[in-house]
Amino acid sequence: MAYAFDTLGYAKRLRDAGISTAQAEAHAEAARDFVMAELVTKTDLDAALDHLALKLTVRLGGMVAVAVAILATIIKL
């Protein structure tokens, strides 16, 4: 999911703080290209956690199945 980033407003605020127009615009574009692209949304985190929970459930189920099989084998001996 992409977020809207107001580069014009960001550059204007930098200019108002005394930064040159060229530097303010370059900084705003860099923030948009590099910082905003790396943001993670709540939806992204929820999907990742759901995936990890599923992997953990499958792994735990496999471990329980192996433990039961080992115990059954030991009991038969």
Protein backbone atom coordinates (compact mmCIF):
# COMPACT_ATOMS: atom_id res chain seq x y z
CA MET A 1 0.00 0.00 0.00
CA ALA A 2 1.38 3.38 -0.96
CA TYR A 3 0.97 6.47 1.14
CA ALA A 4 0.48 9.92 -0.30
CA PHE A 5 3.43 12.12 0.56
CA ASP A 6 3.07 15.87 0.10
CA THR A 7 6.46 16.67 -1.38
CA LEU A 8 5.36 20.21 -2.24
CA GLY A 9 4.29 20.95 1.34
CA TYR A 10 7.44 19.31 2.70
CA ALA A 11 9.67 21.35 0.40
CA LYS A 12 7.74 24.54 1.28
CA ARG A 13 8.27 23.94 4.99
CA LEU A 14 12.01 23.44 4.39
CA ARG A 15 12.17 26.64 2.31
CA ASP A 16 10.33 28.53 5.06
CA ALA A 17 12.98 27.29 7.49
CA GLY A 18 15.73 28.82 5.35
CA ILE A 19 16.78 25.91 3.11
CA SER A 20 17.37 26.75 -0.54
CA THR A 21 14.66 25.76 -3.02
CA ALA A 22 16.87 23.25 -4.84
CA GLN A 23 17.96 21.56 -1.62
CA ALA A 24 14.40 21.51 -0.24
CA GLU A 25 13.04 19.89 -3.40
CA ALA A 26 15.89 17.36 -3.53
CA HIS A 27 15.32 16.46 0.13
CA ALA A 28 11.56 16.07 -0.43
CA GLU A 29 12.11 13.80 -3.44
CA ALA A 30 14.67 11.71 -1.55
CA ALA A 31 12.29 11.33 1.39
CA ARG A 32 9.53 10.22 -0.98
CA ASP A 33 11.74 7.77 -2.87
CA PHE A 34 13.68 6.22 -0.01
CA VAL A 35 11.80 6.72 3.25
CA MET A 36 8.19 6.36 2.13
CA ALA A 37 8.99 3.23 0.10
CA GLU A 38 10.20 1.46 3.25
CA LEU A 39 7.14 2.10 5.43
CA VAL A 40 5.25 -0.93 6.68
CA THR A 41 1.50 -0.80 7.11
CA LYS A 42 -0.58 -2.50 9.76
CA THR A 43 -2.01 -4.73 7.02
CA ASP A 44 1.52 -5.82 6.07
CA LEU A 45 2.30 -6.69 9.68
CA ASP A 46 -0.99 -8.55 10.15
CA ALA A 47 -0.32 -10.65 7.04
CA ALA A 48 3.21 -11.44 8.18
CA LEU A 49 2.01 -12.44 11.64
CA ASP A 50 -0.73 -14.64 10.19
CA HIS A 51 1.85 -16.38 8.00
CA LEU A 52 4.21 -16.91 10.95
CA ALA A 53 1.37 -18.22 13.12
CA LEU A 54 0.44 -20.76 10.44
CA LYS A 55 4.06 -21.89 10.09
CA LEU A 56 4.35 -22.28 13.86
CA THR A 57 1.11 -24.27 14.05
CA VAL A 58 2.23 -26.63 11.29
CA ARG A 59 5.66 -27.08 12.85
CA LEU A 60 4.19 -27.76 16.30
CA GLY A 61 1.71 -30.24 14.81
CA GLY A 62 4.54 -32.04 13.08
CA MET A 63 6.54 -32.24 16.30
CA VAL A 64 3.56 -33.65 18.19
CA ALA A 65 2.95 -36.25 15.47
CA VAL A 66 6.60 -37.34 15.58
CA ALA A 67 6.53 -37.53 19.38
CA VAL A 68 3.39 -39.69 19.32
CA ALA A 69 4.96 -41.98 16.70
CA ILE A 70 8.12 -42.35 18.77
CA LEU A 71 6.12 -43.12 21.93
CA ALA A 72 4.00 -45.67 20.05
CA THR A 73 7.17 -47.35 18.77
CA ILE A 74 8.70 -47.44 22.26
CA ILE A 75 5.51 -48.91 23.74
CA LYS A 76 5.46 -51.67 21.11
CA LEU A 77 9.01 -52.69 22.01
